Amino acid sequence: MTADDSFGRLDDDDYPAYTMGRAAEMLGTTQGFLRAIGEARLITPLRSAGGHRRYSRYQLRIAARARELVDHGIPIEAACRIVILEDQLEEAQRLNAEYRRAAGSVNSPPAG
């Protein structure tokens, strides 16, 4: 990978750019919290060649939402489940909107 390739990845939400320590610092949480949400299968960090966890910006947003729920007193397992369900709902709504757009373009009368 060249330097140009690396710089191109800076805008990639899925690029695992953050170490566990940096991710915890950015979220204002502990590394243990990140391990716990990993064990709950909310996020699965990628591993560096040396075996260290690496997190993407997308994963950090998910972790931040889980932390918000935990900060409101929700147990970590329940918080992870809520975040997963929220994500599934968002995806279903996105697909629904796509299907409606596609159906609308098929059912539109021809211009003329």
PDB file of N, CA and C in Angstrom:
ATOM      1  N   MET A   1       0.850  -1.175   0.000  1.00  0.00           N
ATOM      2  CA  MET A   1       0.000   0.000   0.000  1.00  0.00           C
ATOM      3  C   MET A   1       0.893   1.235   0.000  1.00  0.00           C
ATOM      4  N   THR A   2       0.635   2.144  -0.892  1.00  0.00           N
ATOM      5  CA  THR A   2       1.419   3.371  -0.965  1.00  0.00           C
ATOM      6  C   THR A   2       0.835   4.420  -0.039  1.00  0.00           C
ATOM      7  N   ALA A   3       1.569   5.492   0.150  1.00  0.00           N
ATOM      8  CA  ALA A   3       1.074   6.597   0.971  1.00  0.00           C
ATOM      9  C   ALA A   3      -0.200   7.163   0.383  1.00  0.00           C
ATOM     10  N   ASP A   4      -0.278   7.251  -0.956  1.00  0.00           N
ATOM     11  CA  ASP A   4      -1.491   7.764  -1.592  1.00  0.00           C
ATOM     12  C   ASP A   4      -2.688   6.884  -1.275  1.00  0.00           C
ATOM     13  N   ASP A   5      -2.494   5.558  -1.261  1.00  0.00           N
ATOM     14  CA  ASP A   5      -3.571   4.634  -0.912  1.00  0.00           C
ATOM     15  C   ASP A   5      -4.036   4.883   0.520  1.00  0.00           C
ATOM     16  N   SER A   6      -3.099   5.083   1.432  1.00  0.00           N
ATOM     17  CA  SER A   6      -3.432   5.313   2.837  1.00  0.00           C
ATOM     18  C   SER A   6      -4.216   6.600   3.006  1.00  0.00           C
ATOM     19  N   PHE A   7      -3.807   7.669   2.331  1.00  0.00           N
ATOM     20  CA  PHE A   7      -4.512   8.933   2.449  1.00  0.00           C
ATOM     21  C   PHE A   7      -5.923   8.826   1.894  1.00  0.00           C
ATOM     22  N   GLY A   8      -6.110   8.036   0.853  1.00  0.00           N
ATOM     23  CA  GLY A   8      -7.442   7.843   0.281  1.00  0.00           C
ATOM     24  C   GLY A   8      -8.393   7.173   1.253  1.00  0.00           C
ATOM     25  N   ARG A   9      -7.858   6.420   2.179  1.00  0.00           N
ATOM     26  CA  ARG A   9      -8.688   5.701   3.157  1.00  0.00           C
ATOM     27  C   ARG A   9      -9.142   6.595   4.308  1.00  0.00           C
ATOM     28  N   LEU A  10      -8.607   7.799   4.429  1.00  0.00           N
ATOM     29  CA  LEU A  10      -8.983   8.671   5.533  1.00  0.00           C
ATOM     30  C   LEU A  10     -10.469   9.002   5.528  1.00  0.00           C
ATOM     31  N   ASP A  11     -11.091   8.994   4.377  1.00  0.00           N
ATOM     32  CA  ASP A  11     -12.517   9.285   4.271  1.00  0.00           C
ATOM     33  C   ASP A  11     -13.380   8.036   4.362  1.00  0.00           C
ATOM     34  N   ASP A  12     -12.768   6.874   4.479  1.00  0.00           N
ATOM     35  CA  ASP A  12     -13.484   5.601   4.501  1.00  0.00           C
ATOM     36  C   ASP A  12     -13.966   5.313   5.921  1.00  0.00           C
ATOM     37  N   ASP A  13     -15.294   5.316   6.132  1.00  0.00           N
ATOM     38  CA  ASP A  13     -15.874   5.057   7.450  1.00  0.00           C
ATOM     39  C   ASP A  13     -15.570   3.661   7.973  1.00  0.00           C
ATOM     40  N   ASP A  14     -15.246   2.739   7.077  1.00  0.00           N
ATOM     41  CA  ASP A  14     -15.018   1.358   7.475  1.00  0.00           C
ATOM     42  C   ASP A  14     -13.537   1.007   7.643  1.00  0.00           C
ATOM     43  N   TYR A  15     -12.664   1.958   7.400  1.00  0.00           N
ATOM     44  CA  TYR A  15     -11.232   1.697   7.527  1.00  0.00           C
ATOM     45  C   TYR A  15     -10.852   1.642   9.006  1.00  0.00           C
ATOM     46  N   PRO A  16     -10.228   0.555   9.451  1.00  0.00           N
ATOM     47  CA  PRO A  16      -9.896   0.402  10.868  1.00  0.00           C
ATOM     48  C   PRO A  16      -8.661   1.216  11.264  1.00  0.00           C
ATOM     49  N   ALA A  17      -8.852   2.487  11.485  1.00  0.00           N
ATOM     50  CA  ALA A  17      -7.736   3.404  11.690  1.00  0.00           C
ATOM     51  C   ALA A  17      -7.360   3.620  13.151  1.00  0.00           C
ATOM     52  N   TYR A  18      -8.226   3.240  14.089  1.00  0.00           N
ATOM     53  CA  TYR A  18      -8.015   3.620  15.482  1.00  0.00           C
ATOM     54  C   TYR A  18      -7.653   2.422  16.358  1.00  0.00           C
ATOM     55  N   THR A  19      -6.617   2.591  17.154  1.00  0.00           N
ATOM     56  CA  THR A  19      -6.239   1.559  18.120  1.00  0.00           C
ATOM     57  C   THR A  19      -7.272   1.537  19.240  1.00  0.00           C
ATOM     58  N   MET A  20      -7.233   0.486  20.028  1.00  0.00           N
ATOM     59  CA  MET A  20      -8.168   0.380  21.146  1.00  0.00           C
ATOM     60  C   MET A  20      -7.985   1.549  22.119  1.00  0.00           C
ATOM     61  N   GLY A  21      -6.752   1.884  22.426  1.00  0.00           N
ATOM     62  CA  GLY A  21      -6.501   2.987  23.346  1.00  0.00           C
ATOM     63  C   GLY A  21      -7.034   4.304  22.829  1.00  0.00           C
ATOM     64  N   ARG A  22      -6.778   4.576  21.560  1.00  0.00           N
ATOM     65  CA  ARG A  22      -7.259   5.821  20.959  1.00  0.00           C
ATOM     66  C   ARG A  22      -8.782   5.834  20.874  1.00  0.00           C
ATOM     67  N   ALA A  23      -9.382   4.706  20.521  1.00  0.00           N
ATOM     68  CA  ALA A  23     -10.842   4.618  20.430  1.00  0.00           C
ATOM     69  C   ALA A  23     -11.469   4.885  21.799  1.00  0.00           C
ATOM     70  N   ALA A  24     -10.925   4.266  22.845  1.00  0.00           N
ATOM     71  CA  ALA A  24     -11.448   4.472  24.195  1.00  0.00           C
ATOM     72  C   ALA A  24     -11.316   5.936  24.600  1.00  0.00           C
ATOM     73  N   GLU A  25     -10.184   6.525  24.284  1.00  0.00           N
ATOM     74  CA  GLU A  25      -9.958   7.939  24.603  1.00  0.00           C
ATOM     75  C   GLU A  25     -10.968   8.830  23.881  1.00  0.00           C
ATOM     76  N   MET A  26     -11.196   8.577  22.604  1.00  0.00           N
ATOM     77  CA  MET A  26     -12.130   9.378  21.822  1.00  0.00           C
ATOM     78  C   MET A  26     -13.554   9.268  22.355  1.00  0.00           C
ATOM     79  N   LEU A  27     -13.927   8.087  22.841  1.00  0.00           N
ATOM     80  CA  LEU A  27     -15.274   7.858  23.356  1.00  0.00           C
ATOM     81  C   LEU A  27     -15.419   8.251  24.820  1.00  0.00           C
ATOM     82  N   GLY A  28     -14.295   8.519  25.470  1.00  0.00           N
ATOM     83  CA  GLY A  28     -14.338   8.843  26.893  1.00  0.00           C
ATOM     84  C   GLY A  28     -14.748   7.642  27.727  1.00  0.00           C
ATOM     85  N   THR A  29     -14.277   6.488  27.344  1.00  0.00           N
ATOM     86  CA  THR A  29     -14.631   5.250  28.029  1.00  0.00           C
ATOM     87  C   THR A  29     -13.367   4.434  28.287  1.00  0.00           C
ATOM     88  N   THR A  30     -13.541   3.212  28.705  1.00  0.00           N
ATOM     89  CA  THR A  30     -12.391   2.350  28.992  1.00  0.00           C
ATOM     90  C   THR A  30     -12.208   1.319  27.882  1.00  0.00           C
ATOM     91  N   GLN A  31     -11.031   0.749  27.859  1.00  0.00           N
ATOM     92  CA  GLN A  31     -10.784  -0.344  26.920  1.00  0.00           C
ATOM     93  C   GLN A  31     -11.654  -1.550  27.276  1.00  0.00           C
ATOM     94  N   GLY A  32     -11.931  -1.713  28.559  1.00  0.00           N
ATOM     95  CA  GLY A  32     -12.818  -2.793  29.004  1.00  0.00           C
ATOM     96  C   GLY A  32     -14.210  -2.672  28.413  1.00  0.00           C
ATOM     97  N   PHE A  33     -14.704  -1.435  28.290  1.00  0.00           N
ATOM     98  CA  PHE A  33     -16.014  -1.223  27.664  1.00  0.00           C
ATOM     99  C   PHE A  33     -15.979  -1.691  26.213  1.00  0.00           C
ATOM    100  N   LEU A  34     -14.910  -1.350  25.503  1.00  0.00           N
ATOM    101  CA  LEU A  34     -14.798  -1.777  24.105  1.00  0.00           C
ATOM    102  C   LEU A  34     -14.717  -3.298  24.001  1.00  0.00           C
ATOM    103  N   ARG A  35     -14.000  -3.918  24.921  1.00  0.00           N
ATOM    104  CA  ARG A  35     -13.945  -5.388  24.929  1.00  0.00           C
ATOM    105  C   ARG A  35     -15.335  -5.976  25.189  1.00  0.00           C
ATOM    106  N   ALA A  36     -16.073  -5.370  26.128  1.00  0.00           N
ATOM    107  CA  ALA A  36     -17.405  -5.868  26.491  1.00  0.00           C
ATOM    108  C   ALA A  36     -18.381  -5.781  25.321  1.00  0.00           C
ATOM    109  N   ILE A  37     -18.357  -4.674  24.571  1.00  0.00           N
ATOM    110  CA  ILE A  37     -19.289  -4.595  23.438  1.00  0.00           C
ATOM    111  C   ILE A  37     -18.841  -5.496  22.298  1.00  0.00           C
ATOM    112  N   GLY A  38     -17.547  -5.804  22.264  1.00  0.00           N
ATOM    113  CA  GLY A  38     -17.063  -6.800  21.313  1.00  0.00           C
ATOM    114  C   GLY A  38     -17.539  -8.189  21.694  1.00  0.00           C
ATOM    115  N   GLU A  39     -17.486  -8.511  22.985  1.00  0.00           N
ATOM    116  CA  GLU A  39     -17.967  -9.808  23.468  1.00  0.00           C
ATOM    117  C   GLU A  39     -19.465  -9.956  23.263  1.00  0.00           C
ATOM    118  N   ALA A  40     -20.194  -8.832  23.346  1.00  0.00           N
ATOM    119  CA  ALA A  40     -21.640  -8.841  23.107  1.00  0.00           C
ATOM    120  C   ALA A  40     -21.958  -8.857  21.609  1.00  0.00           C
ATOM    121  N   ARG A  41     -20.912  -8.854  20.796  1.00  0.00           N
ATOM    122  CA  ARG A  41     -21.012  -8.909  19.337  1.00  0.00           C
ATOM    123  C   ARG A  41     -21.704  -7.692  18.719  1.00  0.00           C
ATOM    124  N   LEU A  42     -21.579  -6.559  19.395  1.00  0.00           N
ATOM    125  CA  LEU A  42     -22.093  -5.331  18.799  1.00  0.00           C
ATOM    126  C   LEU A  42     -21.166  -4.885  17.682  1.00  0.00           C
ATOM    127  N   ILE A  43     -19.877  -4.912  17.943  1.00  0.00           N
ATOM    128  CA  ILE A  43     -18.885  -4.597  16.917  1.00  0.00           C
ATOM    129  C   ILE A  43     -17.790  -5.651  16.976  1.00  0.00           C
ATOM    130  N   THR A  44     -17.171  -5.878  15.847  1.00  0.00           N
ATOM    131  CA  THR A  44     -16.039  -6.803  15.777  1.00  0.00           C
ATOM    132  C   THR A  44     -14.868  -6.052  15.172  1.00  0.00           C
ATOM    133  N   PRO A  45     -13.956  -5.600  16.020  1.00  0.00           N
ATOM    134  CA  PRO A  45     -12.827  -4.854  15.475  1.00  0.00           C
ATOM    135  C   PRO A  45     -11.944  -5.751  14.621  1.00  0.00           C
ATOM    136  N   LEU A  46     -11.333  -5.152  13.642  1.00  0.00           N
ATOM    137  CA  LEU A  46     -10.346  -5.889  12.862  1.00  0.00           C
ATOM    138  C   LEU A  46      -9.074  -5.977  13.689  1.00  0.00           C
ATOM    139  N   ARG A  47      -8.185  -6.842  13.283  1.00  0.00           N
ATOM    140  CA  ARG A  47      -6.924  -7.015  14.006  1.00  0.00           C
ATOM    141  C   ARG A  47      -5.768  -6.597  13.113  1.00  0.00           C
ATOM    142  N   SER A  48      -4.813  -5.921  13.717  1.00  0.00           N
ATOM    143  CA  SER A  48      -3.595  -5.549  12.995  1.00  0.00           C
ATOM    144  C   SER A  48      -2.758  -6.806  12.800  1.00  0.00           C
ATOM    145  N   ALA A  49      -1.691  -6.682  12.043  1.00  0.00           N
ATOM    146  CA  ALA A  49      -0.792  -7.823  11.833  1.00  0.00           C
ATOM    147  C   ALA A  49      -0.252  -8.337  13.163  1.00  0.00           C
ATOM    148  N   GLY A  50      -0.112  -7.473  14.143  1.00  0.00           N
ATOM    149  CA  GLY A  50       0.371  -7.867  15.462  1.00  0.00           C
ATOM    150  C   GLY A  50      -0.727  -8.360  16.394  1.00  0.00           C
ATOM    151  N   GLY A  51      -1.973  -8.406  15.898  1.00  0.00           N
ATOM    152  CA  GLY A  51      -3.084  -8.912  16.693  1.00  0.00           C
ATOM    153  C   GLY A  51      -3.818  -7.873  17.519  1.00  0.00           C
ATOM    154  N   HIS A  52      -3.477  -6.596  17.356  1.00  0.00           N
ATOM    155  CA  HIS A  52      -4.123  -5.540  18.117  1.00  0.00           C
ATOM    156  C   HIS A  52      -5.445  -5.140  17.474  1.00  0.00           C
ATOM    157  N   ARG A  53      -6.427  -4.818  18.316  1.00  0.00           N
ATOM    158  CA  ARG A  53      -7.738  -4.399  17.809  1.00  0.00           C
ATOM    159  C   ARG A  53      -7.633  -3.040  17.132  1.00  0.00           C
ATOM    160  N   ARG A  54      -8.346  -2.909  16.019  1.00  0.00           N
ATOM    161  CA  ARG A  54      -8.421  -1.647  15.273  1.00  0.00           C
ATOM    162  C   ARG A  54      -9.886  -1.352  14.984  1.00  0.00           C
ATOM    163  N   TYR A  55     -10.289  -0.106  15.192  1.00  0.00           N
ATOM    164  CA  TYR A  55     -11.682   0.302  15.049  1.00  0.00           C
ATOM    165  C   TYR A  55     -11.842   1.322  13.930  1.00  0.00           C
ATOM    166  N   SER A  56     -12.984   1.250  13.262  1.00  0.00           N
ATOM    167  CA  SER A  56     -13.310   2.213  12.216  1.00  0.00           C
ATOM    168  C   SER A  56     -14.178   3.333  12.808  1.00  0.00           C
ATOM    169  N   ARG A  57     -14.347   4.398  12.049  1.00  0.00           N
ATOM    170  CA  ARG A  57     -15.225   5.488  12.495  1.00  0.00           C
ATOM    171  C   ARG A  57     -16.653   4.997  12.647  1.00  0.00           C
ATOM    172  N   TYR A  58     -17.098   4.132  11.742  1.00  0.00           N
ATOM    173  CA  TYR A  58     -18.446   3.578  11.854  1.00  0.00           C
ATOM    174  C   TYR A  58     -18.589   2.811  13.175  1.00  0.00           C
ATOM    175  N   GLN A  59     -17.617   1.988  13.510  1.00  0.00           N
ATOM    176  CA  GLN A  59     -17.665   1.231  14.761  1.00  0.00           C
ATOM    177  C   GLN A  59     -17.647   2.162  15.972  1.00  0.00           C
ATOM    178  N   LEU A  60     -16.922   3.253  15.882  1.00  0.00           N
ATOM    179  CA  LEU A  60     -16.889   4.207  16.986  1.00  0.00           C
ATOM    180  C   LEU A  60     -18.243   4.875  17.181  1.00  0.00           C
ATOM    181  N   ARG A  61     -18.958   5.151  16.085  1.00  0.00           N
ATOM    182  CA  ARG A  61     -20.307   5.725  16.211  1.00  0.00           C
ATOM    183  C   ARG A  61     -21.244   4.731  16.901  1.00  0.00           C
ATOM    184  N   ILE A  62     -21.150   3.465  16.540  1.00  0.00           N
ATOM    185  CA  ILE A  62     -21.965   2.417  17.158  1.00  0.00           C
ATOM    186  C   ILE A  62     -21.624   2.317  18.648  1.00  0.00           C
ATOM    187  N   ALA A  63     -20.333   2.307  18.960  1.00  0.00           N
ATOM    188  CA  ALA A  63     -19.893   2.213  20.349  1.00  0.00           C
ATOM    189  C   ALA A  63     -20.360   3.430  21.152  1.00  0.00           C
ATOM    190  N   ALA A  64     -20.339   4.605  20.536  1.00  0.00           N
ATOM    191  CA  ALA A  64     -20.780   5.819  21.222  1.00  0.00           C
ATOM    192  C   ALA A  64     -22.261   5.735  21.564  1.00  0.00           C
ATOM    193  N   ARG A  65     -23.051   5.182  20.667  1.00  0.00           N
ATOM    194  CA  ARG A  65     -24.494   5.023  20.947  1.00  0.00           C
ATOM    195  C   ARG A  65     -24.697   4.040  22.101  1.00  0.00           C
ATOM    196  N   ALA A  66     -23.954   2.949  22.113  1.00  0.00           N
ATOM    197  CA  ALA A  66     -24.061   1.987  23.214  1.00  0.00           C
ATOM    198  C   ALA A  66     -23.651   2.648  24.532  1.00  0.00           C
ATOM    199  N   ARG A  67     -22.603   3.431  24.491  1.00  0.00           N
ATOM    200  CA  ARG A  67     -22.152   4.105  25.710  1.00  0.00           C
ATOM    201  C   ARG A  67     -23.209   5.072  26.222  1.00  0.00           C
ATOM    202  N   GLU A  68     -23.865   5.769  25.311  1.00  0.00           N
ATOM    203  CA  GLU A  68     -24.934   6.695  25.692  1.00  0.00           C
ATOM    204  C   GLU A  68     -26.032   5.952  26.456  1.00  0.00           C
ATOM    205  N   LEU A  69     -26.418   4.787  25.955  1.00  0.00           N
ATOM    206  CA  LEU A  69     -27.457   4.000  26.626  1.00  0.00           C
ATOM    207  C   LEU A  69     -26.984   3.494  27.983  1.00  0.00           C
ATOM    208  N   VAL A  70     -25.741   3.015  28.044  1.00  0.00           N
ATOM    209  CA  VAL A  70     -25.183   2.527  29.314  1.00  0.00           C
ATOM    210  C   VAL A  70     -25.118   3.666  30.322  1.00  0.00           C
ATOM    211  N   ASP A  71     -24.760   4.855  29.860  1.00  0.00           N
ATOM    212  CA  ASP A  71     -24.698   6.019  30.746  1.00  0.00           C
ATOM    213  C   ASP A  71     -26.065   6.371  31.325  1.00  0.00           C
ATOM    214  N   HIS A  72     -27.130   5.940  30.644  1.00  0.00           N
ATOM    215  CA  HIS A  72     -28.500   6.165  31.132  1.00  0.00           C
ATOM    216  C   HIS A  72     -28.994   5.003  31.987  1.00  0.00           C
ATOM    217  N   GLY A  73     -28.089   4.096  32.350  1.00  0.00           N
ATOM    218  CA  GLY A  73     -28.434   3.037  33.275  1.00  0.00           C
ATOM    219  C   GLY A  73     -28.868   1.719  32.654  1.00  0.00           C
ATOM    220  N   ILE A  74     -28.785   1.598  31.352  1.00  0.00           N
ATOM    221  CA  ILE A  74     -29.179   0.363  30.682  1.00  0.00           C
ATOM    222  C   ILE A  74     -28.000  -0.616  30.738  1.00  0.00           C
ATOM    223  N   PRO A  75     -28.258  -1.863  31.117  1.00  0.00           N
ATOM    224  CA  PRO A  75     -27.157  -2.846  31.138  1.00  0.00           C
ATOM    225  C   PRO A  75     -26.513  -2.984  29.758  1.00  0.00           C
ATOM    226  N   ILE A  76     -25.233  -3.267  29.749  1.00  0.00           N
ATOM    227  CA  ILE A  76     -24.476  -3.277  28.498  1.00  0.00           C
ATOM    228  C   ILE A  76     -25.053  -4.249  27.470  1.00  0.00           C
ATOM    229  N   GLU A  77     -25.474  -5.439  27.897  1.00  0.00           N
ATOM    230  CA  GLU A  77     -26.040  -6.414  26.953  1.00  0.00           C
ATOM    231  C   GLU A  77     -27.312  -5.874  26.317  1.00  0.00           C
ATOM    232  N   ALA A  78     -28.166  -5.233  27.130  1.00  0.00           N
ATOM    233  CA  ALA A  78     -29.406  -4.655  26.615  1.00  0.00           C
ATOM    234  C   ALA A  78     -29.103  -3.477  25.688  1.00  0.00           C
ATOM    235  N   ALA A  79     -28.126  -2.664  26.058  1.00  0.00           N
ATOM    236  CA  ALA A  79     -27.742  -1.531  25.214  1.00  0.00           C
ATOM    237  C   ALA A  79     -27.277  -2.017  23.850  1.00  0.00           C
ATOM    238  N   CYS A  80     -26.486  -3.074  23.837  1.00  0.00           N
ATOM    239  CA  CYS A  80     -25.997  -3.622  22.568  1.00  0.00           C
ATOM    240  C   CYS A  80     -27.162  -4.127  21.728  1.00  0.00           C
ATOM    241  N   ARG A  81     -28.101  -4.803  22.358  1.00  0.00           N
ATOM    242  CA  ARG A  81     -29.269  -5.311  21.620  1.00  0.00           C
ATOM    243  C   ARG A  81     -30.089  -4.159  21.043  1.00  0.00           C
ATOM    244  N   ILE A  82     -30.269  -3.103  21.817  1.00  0.00           N
ATOM    245  CA  ILE A  82     -31.020  -1.928  21.349  1.00  0.00           C
ATOM    246  C   ILE A  82     -30.335  -1.322  20.128  1.00  0.00           C
ATOM    247  N   VAL A  83     -29.019  -1.172  20.195  1.00  0.00           N
ATOM    248  CA  VAL A  83     -28.277  -0.583  19.070  1.00  0.00           C
ATOM    249  C   VAL A  83     -28.400  -1.461  17.830  1.00  0.00           C
ATOM    250  N   ILE A  84     -28.328  -2.769  18.014  1.00  0.00           N
ATOM    251  CA  ILE A  84     -28.485  -3.688  16.877  1.00  0.00           C
ATOM    252  C   ILE A  84     -29.867  -3.534  16.268  1.00  0.00           C
ATOM    253  N   LEU A  85     -30.902  -3.478  17.107  1.00  0.00           N
ATOM    254  CA  LEU A  85     -32.273  -3.331  16.600  1.00  0.00           C
ATOM    255  C   LEU A  85     -32.477  -1.977  15.909  1.00  0.00           C
ATOM    256  N   GLU A  86     -31.881  -0.929  16.457  1.00  0.00           N
ATOM    257  CA  GLU A  86     -31.960   0.388  15.812  1.00  0.00           C
ATOM    258  C   GLU A  86     -31.326   0.338  14.430  1.00  0.00           C
ATOM    259  N   ASP A  87     -30.189  -0.313  14.333  1.00  0.00           N
ATOM    260  CA  ASP A  87     -29.479  -0.430  13.057  1.00  0.00           C
ATOM    261  C   ASP A  87     -30.318  -1.224  12.053  1.00  0.00           C
ATOM    262  N   GLN A  88     -30.926  -2.318  12.504  1.00  0.00           N
ATOM    263  CA  GLN A  88     -31.773  -3.132  11.624  1.00  0.00           C
ATOM    264  C   GLN A  88     -32.989  -2.343  11.152  1.00  0.00           C
ATOM    265  N   LEU A  89     -33.591  -1.567  12.052  1.00  0.00           N
ATOM    266  CA  LEU A  89     -34.738  -0.745  11.680  1.00  0.00           C
ATOM    267  C   LEU A  89     -34.348   0.298  10.642  1.00  0.00           C
ATOM    268  N   GLU A  90     -33.224   0.945  10.844  1.00  0.00           N
ATOM    269  CA  GLU A  90     -32.750   1.949   9.889  1.00  0.00           C
ATOM    270  C   GLU A  90     -32.538   1.329   8.509  1.00  0.00           C
ATOM    271  N   GLU A  91     -31.936   0.144   8.472  1.00  0.00           N
ATOM    272  CA  GLU A  91     -31.703  -0.544   7.199  1.00  0.00           C
ATOM    273  C   GLU A  91     -33.025  -0.929   6.538  1.00  0.00           C
ATOM    274  N   ALA A  92     -33.984  -1.418   7.313  1.00  0.00           N
ATOM    275  CA  ALA A  92     -35.288  -1.789   6.765  1.00  0.00           C
ATOM    276  C   ALA A  92     -35.998  -0.560   6.199  1.00  0.00           C
ATOM    277  N   GLN A  93     -35.911   0.559   6.882  1.00  0.00           N
ATOM    278  CA  GLN A  93     -36.534   1.791   6.390  1.00  0.00           C
ATOM    279  C   GLN A  93     -35.866   2.264   5.104  1.00  0.00           C
ATOM    280  N   ARG A  94     -34.554   2.126   5.035  1.00  0.00           N
ATOM    281  CA  ARG A  94     -33.840   2.512   3.818  1.00  0.00           C
ATOM    282  C   ARG A  94     -34.273   1.645   2.643  1.00  0.00           C
ATOM    283  N   LEU A  95     -34.355   0.331   2.861  1.00  0.00           N
ATOM    284  CA  LEU A  95     -34.793  -0.582   1.798  1.00  0.00           C
ATOM    285  C   LEU A  95     -36.231  -0.300   1.377  1.00  0.00           C
ATOM    286  N   ASN A  96     -37.087  -0.035   2.348  1.00  0.00           N
ATOM    287  CA  ASN A  96     -38.478   0.304   2.045  1.00  0.00           C
ATOM    288  C   ASN A  96     -38.560   1.523   1.139  1.00  0.00           C
ATOM    289  N   ALA A  97     -37.783   2.547   1.459  1.00  0.00           N
ATOM    290  CA  ALA A  97     -37.787   3.770   0.648  1.00  0.00           C
ATOM    291  C   ALA A  97     -37.305   3.460  -0.769  1.00  0.00           C
ATOM    292  N   GLU A  98     -36.286   2.609  -0.900  1.00  0.00           N
ATOM    293  CA  GLU A  98     -35.803   2.234  -2.234  1.00  0.00           C
ATOM    294  C   GLU A  98     -36.882   1.495  -3.015  1.00  0.00           C
ATOM    295  N   TYR A  99     -37.575   0.562  -2.365  1.00  0.00           N
ATOM    296  CA  TYR A  99     -38.643  -0.196  -3.032  1.00  0.00           C
ATOM    297  C   TYR A  99     -39.774   0.731  -3.464  1.00  0.00           C
ATOM    298  N   ARG A 100     -40.113   1.687  -2.616  1.00  0.00           N
ATOM    299  CA  ARG A 100     -41.177   2.649  -2.981  1.00  0.00           C
ATOM    300  C   ARG A 100     -40.771   3.487  -4.186  1.00  0.00           C
ATOM    301  N   ARG A 101     -39.514   3.939  -4.199  1.00  0.00           N
ATOM    302  CA  ARG A 101     -39.049   4.724  -5.345  1.00  0.00           C
ATOM    303  C   ARG A 101     -39.092   3.885  -6.617  1.00  0.00           C
ATOM    304  N   ALA A 102     -38.630   2.639  -6.516  1.00  0.00           N
ATOM    305  CA  ALA A 102     -38.619   1.766  -7.672  1.00  0.00           C
ATOM    306  C   ALA A 102     -40.042   1.473  -8.146  1.00  0.00           C
ATOM    307  N   ALA A 103     -40.937   1.225  -7.225  1.00  0.00           N
ATOM    308  CA  ALA A 103     -42.337   0.948  -7.578  1.00  0.00           C
ATOM    309  C   ALA A 103     -42.979   2.177  -8.191  1.00  0.00           C
ATOM    310  N   GLY A 104     -42.646   3.350  -7.680  1.00  0.00           N
ATOM    311  CA  GLY A 104     -43.198   4.594  -8.219  1.00  0.00           C
ATOM    312  C   GLY A 104     -42.748   4.850  -9.644  1.00  0.00           C
ATOM    313  N   SER A 105     -41.515   4.529  -9.951  1.00  0.00           N
ATOM    314  CA  SER A 105     -41.017   4.762 -11.312  1.00  0.00           C
ATOM    315  C   SER A 105     -41.600   3.734 -12.280  1.00  0.00           C
ATOM    316  N   VAL A 106     -41.931   2.532 -11.818  1.00  0.00           N
ATOM    317  CA  VAL A 106     -42.531   1.510 -12.672  1.00  0.00           C
ATOM    318  C   VAL A 106     -43.991   1.850 -12.949  1.00  0.00           C
ATOM    319  N   ASN A 107     -44.692   2.390 -11.960  1.00  0.00           N
ATOM    320  CA  ASN A 107     -46.118   2.669 -12.081  1.00  0.00           C
ATOM    321  C   ASN A 107     -46.426   4.052 -12.636  1.00  0.00           C
ATOM    322  N   SER A 108     -45.404   4.850 -12.901  1.00  0.00           N
ATOM    323  CA  SER A 108     -45.627   6.195 -13.438  1.00  0.00           C
ATOM    324  C   SER A 108     -46.095   6.113 -14.875  1.00  0.00           C
ATOM    325  N   PRO A 109     -47.076   6.953 -15.233  1.00  0.00           N
ATOM    326  CA  PRO A 109     -47.504   6.966 -16.643  1.00  0.00           C
ATOM    327  C   PRO A 109     -46.397   7.559 -17.508  1.00  0.00           C
ATOM    328  N   PRO A 110     -46.274   7.072 -18.735  1.00  0.00           N
ATOM    329  CA  PRO A 110     -45.234   7.606 -19.610  1.00  0.00           C
ATOM    330  C   PRO A 110     -45.492   9.092 -19.912  1.00  0.00           C
ATOM    331  N   ALA A 111     -44.407   9.834 -20.015  1.00  0.00           N
ATOM    332  CA  ALA A 111     -44.527  11.254 -20.351  1.00  0.00           C
ATOM    333  C   ALA A 111     -44.927  11.381 -21.812  1.00  0.00           C
ATOM    334  N   GLY A 112     -45.773  12.324 -22.057  1.00  0.00           N
ATOM    335  CA  GLY A 112     -46.118  12.395 -23.462  1.00  0.00           C
ATOM    336  C   GLY A 112     -47.012  13.444 -23.769  1.00  0.00           C
TER     337      GLY A 112
END
